[in-house]
Amino acid sequence: AAAGKLLVVPLDGSHWLSMREVLDRLSQKGHEIVVIAPETTLHIKSSKNFVMKRYPVPFTQEEMELNF
């Protein structure tokens, strides 16, 4: 089977926790993955299995953690 290129724009929280397992498996099968996520998140972290691109948001990590 041929590998492809994937662009992922995830939601934070449990959606991401489930998605990360899928991305890890796809990466193992040879797919190239780019994840676009906000600079400030609760769960979205970098991985060796995909390229992470961040975009700015109008609040800090500390502000986010206080509110959630």
Protein backbone atom coordinates (compact mmCIF):
# COMPACT_ATOMS: atom_id res chain seq x y z
CA ALA A 1 0.00 0.00 0.00
CA ALA A 2 1.18 3.53 -0.76
CA ALA A 3 1.84 6.01 2.03
CA GLY A 4 0.34 9.48 1.91
CA LYS A 5 0.66 12.94 3.37
CA LEU A 6 -1.77 14.02 6.10
CA LEU A 7 -2.59 17.45 7.50
CA VAL A 8 -4.20 17.26 10.95
CA VAL A 9 -5.93 20.14 12.75
CA PRO A 10 -6.95 18.56 16.08
CA LEU A 11 -9.18 19.64 18.94
CA ASP A 12 -7.59 19.62 22.38
CA GLY A 13 -8.73 17.23 25.10
CA SER A 14 -9.88 13.65 24.75
CA HIS A 15 -10.28 14.06 20.98
CA TRP A 16 -6.52 14.58 20.74
CA LEU A 17 -5.68 11.67 23.04
CA SER A 18 -7.55 9.30 20.72
CA MET A 19 -6.21 10.95 17.57
CA ARG A 20 -2.58 10.66 18.70
CA GLU A 21 -2.79 6.86 18.78
CA VAL A 22 -4.14 6.87 15.22
CA LEU A 23 -1.35 9.21 14.08
CA ASP A 24 1.31 7.02 15.69
CA ARG A 25 0.01 3.99 13.76
CA LEU A 26 -0.20 5.91 10.48
CA SER A 27 3.36 7.15 10.95
CA GLN A 28 4.57 3.59 11.53
CA LYS A 29 3.02 2.68 8.17
CA GLY A 30 5.06 5.38 6.42
CA HIS A 31 2.63 8.28 6.19
CA GLU A 32 3.99 11.84 6.50
CA ILE A 33 1.97 13.79 9.06
CA VAL A 34 1.83 17.52 9.85
CA VAL A 35 -0.18 18.64 12.88
CA ILE A 36 -1.26 22.29 13.13
CA ALA A 37 -2.12 23.30 16.71
CA PRO A 38 -2.32 26.43 18.88
CA GLU A 39 0.77 27.46 20.84
CA THR A 40 -1.22 26.99 24.05
CA THR A 41 -2.87 23.60 24.61
CA LEU A 42 -3.69 21.23 27.44
CA HIS A 43 -2.80 17.93 25.75
CA ILE A 44 -1.39 18.47 22.25
CA LYS A 45 2.34 17.77 22.45
CA SER A 46 5.06 17.18 19.87
CA SER A 47 6.10 13.69 18.83
CA LYS A 48 8.79 12.06 16.74
CA ASN A 49 5.96 10.60 14.63
CA PHE A 50 4.79 13.90 13.11
CA VAL A 51 5.83 17.47 12.36
CA MET A 52 4.21 20.02 14.67
CA LYS A 53 3.38 23.53 13.44
CA ARG A 54 2.08 26.04 16.00
CA TYR A 55 0.00 29.19 15.57
CA PRO A 56 -0.37 32.05 18.09
CA VAL A 57 -3.41 32.50 20.33
CA PRO A 58 -4.43 35.50 22.52
CA PHE A 59 -3.86 33.76 25.88
CA THR A 60 -0.98 32.19 27.78
CA GLN A 61 -0.51 28.62 28.93
CA GLU A 62 -0.99 29.80 32.51
CA GLU A 63 -4.31 31.51 31.68
CA MET A 64 -5.56 28.40 29.93
CA GLU A 65 -4.65 26.12 32.82
CA LEU A 66 -6.42 28.45 35.30
CA ASN A 67 -9.64 28.36 33.26
CA PHE A 68 -9.67 24.65 32.42
